[in-house]
């Protein structure tokens, strides 16, 4: 079962701000859900996302990531 916490609590475990965490959940980059006006986020999913982003380093911003092979 996912470890869902309030977005307000999740910001203590990450360098991201609340608005960006909501964006990540809405776009499906991180697991989470919204109940009424309350956003919940899965901490394990958030940690995995952060780890992947840090591993990509500056490569996450290069257009080469989005080119098809052979172009």
N, C-alpha and C. Protein backbone atom coordinates (compact mmCIF):
# COMPACT_ATOMS: atom_id res chain seq x y z
N UNK A 1 0.85 -1.18 0.00
CA UNK A 1 0.00 0.00 0.00
C UNK A 1 0.89 1.25 0.00
N UNK A 2 0.57 2.21 -0.85
CA UNK A 2 1.41 3.43 -0.91
C UNK A 2 1.35 4.24 0.37
N UNK A 3 2.44 4.90 0.65
CA UNK A 3 2.57 5.75 1.82
C UNK A 3 2.15 7.17 1.43
N UNK A 4 0.85 7.44 1.44
CA UNK A 4 0.33 8.75 1.03
C UNK A 4 0.40 9.74 2.19
N UNK A 5 0.93 10.91 1.88
CA UNK A 5 0.99 11.98 2.87
C UNK A 5 0.48 13.26 2.23
N UNK A 6 0.14 14.22 3.05
CA UNK A 6 -0.28 15.52 2.55
C UNK A 6 0.89 16.19 1.83
N UNK A 7 0.57 16.96 0.81
CA UNK A 7 1.61 17.69 0.08
C UNK A 7 2.39 18.58 1.04
N UNK A 8 1.69 19.19 1.99
CA UNK A 8 2.37 20.06 2.97
C UNK A 8 3.44 19.30 3.76
N UNK A 9 3.21 18.03 4.01
CA UNK A 9 4.20 17.22 4.72
C UNK A 9 5.30 16.76 3.78
N UNK A 10 4.95 16.50 2.54
CA UNK A 10 5.93 16.00 1.57
C UNK A 10 7.02 17.02 1.27
N UNK A 11 6.71 18.31 1.34
CA UNK A 11 7.73 19.32 1.04
C UNK A 11 8.89 19.27 2.04
N UNK A 12 8.68 18.67 3.19
CA UNK A 12 9.75 18.54 4.18
C UNK A 12 10.79 17.50 3.76
N UNK A 13 10.39 16.60 2.85
CA UNK A 13 11.26 15.51 2.44
C UNK A 13 11.88 15.74 1.07
N UNK A 14 11.63 16.89 0.47
CA UNK A 14 12.10 17.14 -0.88
C UNK A 14 12.53 18.59 -1.04
N UNK A 15 13.19 18.88 -2.14
CA UNK A 15 13.59 20.26 -2.42
C UNK A 15 12.54 20.98 -3.27
N UNK A 16 11.49 20.26 -3.67
CA UNK A 16 10.45 20.84 -4.51
C UNK A 16 9.40 21.59 -3.69
N UNK A 17 8.75 22.55 -4.33
CA UNK A 17 7.69 23.33 -3.68
C UNK A 17 6.34 22.65 -3.90
N UNK A 18 5.35 23.09 -3.12
CA UNK A 18 4.01 22.48 -3.17
C UNK A 18 3.40 22.51 -4.56
N UNK A 19 3.49 23.65 -5.24
CA UNK A 19 2.88 23.76 -6.56
C UNK A 19 3.50 22.78 -7.55
N UNK A 20 4.81 22.60 -7.47
CA UNK A 20 5.47 21.66 -8.37
C UNK A 20 5.07 20.22 -8.03
N UNK A 21 4.90 19.91 -6.76
CA UNK A 21 4.46 18.56 -6.38
C UNK A 21 3.06 18.28 -6.91
N UNK A 22 2.18 19.26 -6.83
CA UNK A 22 0.83 19.09 -7.38
C UNK A 22 0.92 18.84 -8.89
N UNK A 23 1.78 19.59 -9.56
CA UNK A 23 1.98 19.42 -11.01
C UNK A 23 2.44 17.99 -11.31
N UNK A 24 3.41 17.49 -10.55
CA UNK A 24 3.93 16.14 -10.78
C UNK A 24 2.83 15.09 -10.64
N UNK A 25 1.96 15.27 -9.67
CA UNK A 25 0.85 14.32 -9.48
C UNK A 25 -0.14 14.44 -10.63
N UNK A 26 -0.51 15.67 -10.98
CA UNK A 26 -1.49 15.87 -12.07
C UNK A 26 -1.00 15.28 -13.38
N UNK A 27 0.29 15.40 -13.66
CA UNK A 27 0.85 14.90 -14.92
C UNK A 27 1.22 13.42 -14.87
N UNK A 28 1.13 12.82 -13.70
CA UNK A 28 1.39 11.38 -13.58
C UNK A 28 2.86 11.01 -13.41
N UNK A 29 3.72 11.98 -13.15
CA UNK A 29 5.14 11.68 -12.92
C UNK A 29 5.35 11.05 -11.54
N UNK A 30 4.45 11.36 -10.62
CA UNK A 30 4.51 10.85 -9.25
C UNK A 30 3.10 10.38 -8.89
N UNK A 31 3.01 9.27 -8.16
CA UNK A 31 1.70 8.78 -7.75
C UNK A 31 1.13 9.66 -6.64
N UNK A 32 -0.14 9.89 -6.71
CA UNK A 32 -0.83 10.68 -5.70
C UNK A 32 -2.28 10.82 -6.09
N UNK A 33 -3.02 11.54 -5.29
CA UNK A 33 -4.44 11.74 -5.58
C UNK A 33 -4.94 12.99 -4.88
N UNK A 34 -6.11 13.41 -5.32
CA UNK A 34 -6.73 14.59 -4.74
C UNK A 34 -8.09 14.18 -4.19
N UNK A 35 -8.32 14.52 -2.94
CA UNK A 35 -9.60 14.25 -2.29
C UNK A 35 -10.19 15.59 -1.89
N UNK A 36 -11.23 15.99 -2.61
CA UNK A 36 -11.77 17.33 -2.37
C UNK A 36 -10.73 18.35 -2.76
N UNK A 37 -10.32 19.18 -1.84
CA UNK A 37 -9.27 20.15 -2.10
C UNK A 37 -7.94 19.75 -1.51
N UNK A 38 -7.84 18.51 -1.03
CA UNK A 38 -6.63 18.04 -0.35
C UNK A 38 -5.83 17.13 -1.26
N UNK A 39 -4.56 17.49 -1.47
CA UNK A 39 -3.67 16.69 -2.29
C UNK A 39 -2.85 15.75 -1.41
N UNK A 40 -2.76 14.49 -1.86
CA UNK A 40 -1.93 13.48 -1.20
C UNK A 40 -0.92 12.98 -2.21
N UNK A 41 0.27 12.65 -1.73
CA UNK A 41 1.33 12.19 -2.62
C UNK A 41 2.01 10.98 -2.00
N UNK A 42 2.42 10.06 -2.86
CA UNK A 42 3.12 8.85 -2.43
C UNK A 42 4.60 9.17 -2.26
N UNK A 43 5.10 9.10 -1.04
CA UNK A 43 6.49 9.46 -0.76
C UNK A 43 7.50 8.57 -1.49
N UNK A 44 7.22 7.29 -1.59
CA UNK A 44 8.13 6.39 -2.29
C UNK A 44 8.25 6.78 -3.76
N UNK A 45 7.12 7.10 -4.37
CA UNK A 45 7.11 7.52 -5.76
C UNK A 45 7.87 8.83 -5.93
N UNK A 46 7.71 9.75 -5.00
CA UNK A 46 8.41 11.02 -5.04
C UNK A 46 9.92 10.82 -4.92
N UNK A 47 10.33 9.94 -4.02
CA UNK A 47 11.77 9.66 -3.85
C UNK A 47 12.35 9.02 -5.11
N UNK A 48 11.61 8.11 -5.73
CA UNK A 48 12.06 7.49 -6.98
C UNK A 48 12.21 8.55 -8.07
N UNK A 49 11.25 9.45 -8.17
CA UNK A 49 11.31 10.51 -9.17
C UNK A 49 12.54 11.38 -8.96
N UNK A 50 12.76 11.78 -7.72
CA UNK A 50 13.92 12.63 -7.40
C UNK A 50 15.22 11.92 -7.75
N UNK A 51 15.31 10.65 -7.42
CA UNK A 51 16.51 9.86 -7.70
C UNK A 51 16.77 9.81 -9.21
N UNK A 52 15.71 9.56 -9.99
CA UNK A 52 15.86 9.52 -11.45
C UNK A 52 16.33 10.86 -11.99
N UNK A 53 15.74 11.94 -11.51
CA UNK A 53 16.09 13.28 -11.99
C UNK A 53 17.54 13.62 -11.65
N UNK A 54 17.97 13.27 -10.46
CA UNK A 54 19.36 13.54 -10.07
C UNK A 54 20.33 12.70 -10.89
N UNK A 55 19.96 11.48 -11.21
CA UNK A 55 20.81 10.61 -12.01
C UNK A 55 20.95 11.14 -13.44
N UNK A 56 19.90 11.76 -13.95
CA UNK A 56 19.95 12.33 -15.31
C UNK A 56 20.86 13.54 -15.37
N UNK A 57 20.99 14.24 -14.26
CA UNK A 57 21.85 15.42 -14.22
C UNK A 57 21.46 16.44 -15.27
N UNK A 58 22.42 16.96 -15.98
CA UNK A 58 22.13 17.97 -16.99
C UNK A 58 21.51 17.37 -18.24
N UNK A 59 21.56 16.06 -18.39
CA UNK A 59 20.98 15.41 -19.57
C UNK A 59 19.48 15.58 -19.64
N UNK A 60 18.82 15.85 -18.53
CA UNK A 60 17.37 16.01 -18.54
C UNK A 60 16.93 17.23 -19.33
N UNK A 61 17.86 18.14 -19.61
CA UNK A 61 17.50 19.37 -20.31
C UNK A 61 17.97 19.41 -21.76
N UNK A 62 18.51 18.33 -22.27
CA UNK A 62 19.00 18.34 -23.63
C UNK A 62 17.91 17.88 -24.59
N UNK A 63 17.89 18.46 -25.76
CA UNK A 63 16.89 18.09 -26.75
C UNK A 63 17.18 16.71 -27.34
N UNK A 64 18.39 16.23 -27.18
CA UNK A 64 18.76 14.91 -27.71
C UNK A 64 17.92 13.80 -27.09
N UNK A 65 17.41 14.01 -25.90
CA UNK A 65 16.57 13.00 -25.25
C UNK A 65 15.32 12.72 -26.06
N UNK A 66 14.85 13.71 -26.81
CA UNK A 66 13.56 13.61 -27.48
C UNK A 66 13.67 13.28 -28.97
N UNK A 67 14.89 13.15 -29.46
CA UNK A 67 15.07 12.81 -30.86
C UNK A 67 14.89 11.31 -31.06
N UNK A 68 14.34 10.97 -32.20
CA UNK A 68 14.18 9.56 -32.55
C UNK A 68 15.52 9.01 -32.97
N UNK A 69 15.72 7.73 -32.79
CA UNK A 69 16.96 7.10 -33.21
C UNK A 69 17.10 7.22 -34.72
N UNK A 70 18.31 7.55 -35.17
CA UNK A 70 18.57 7.66 -36.57
C UNK A 70 18.42 9.06 -37.12
N UNK A 71 18.00 10.01 -36.31
CA UNK A 71 17.86 11.40 -36.78
C UNK A 71 19.17 12.11 -36.74
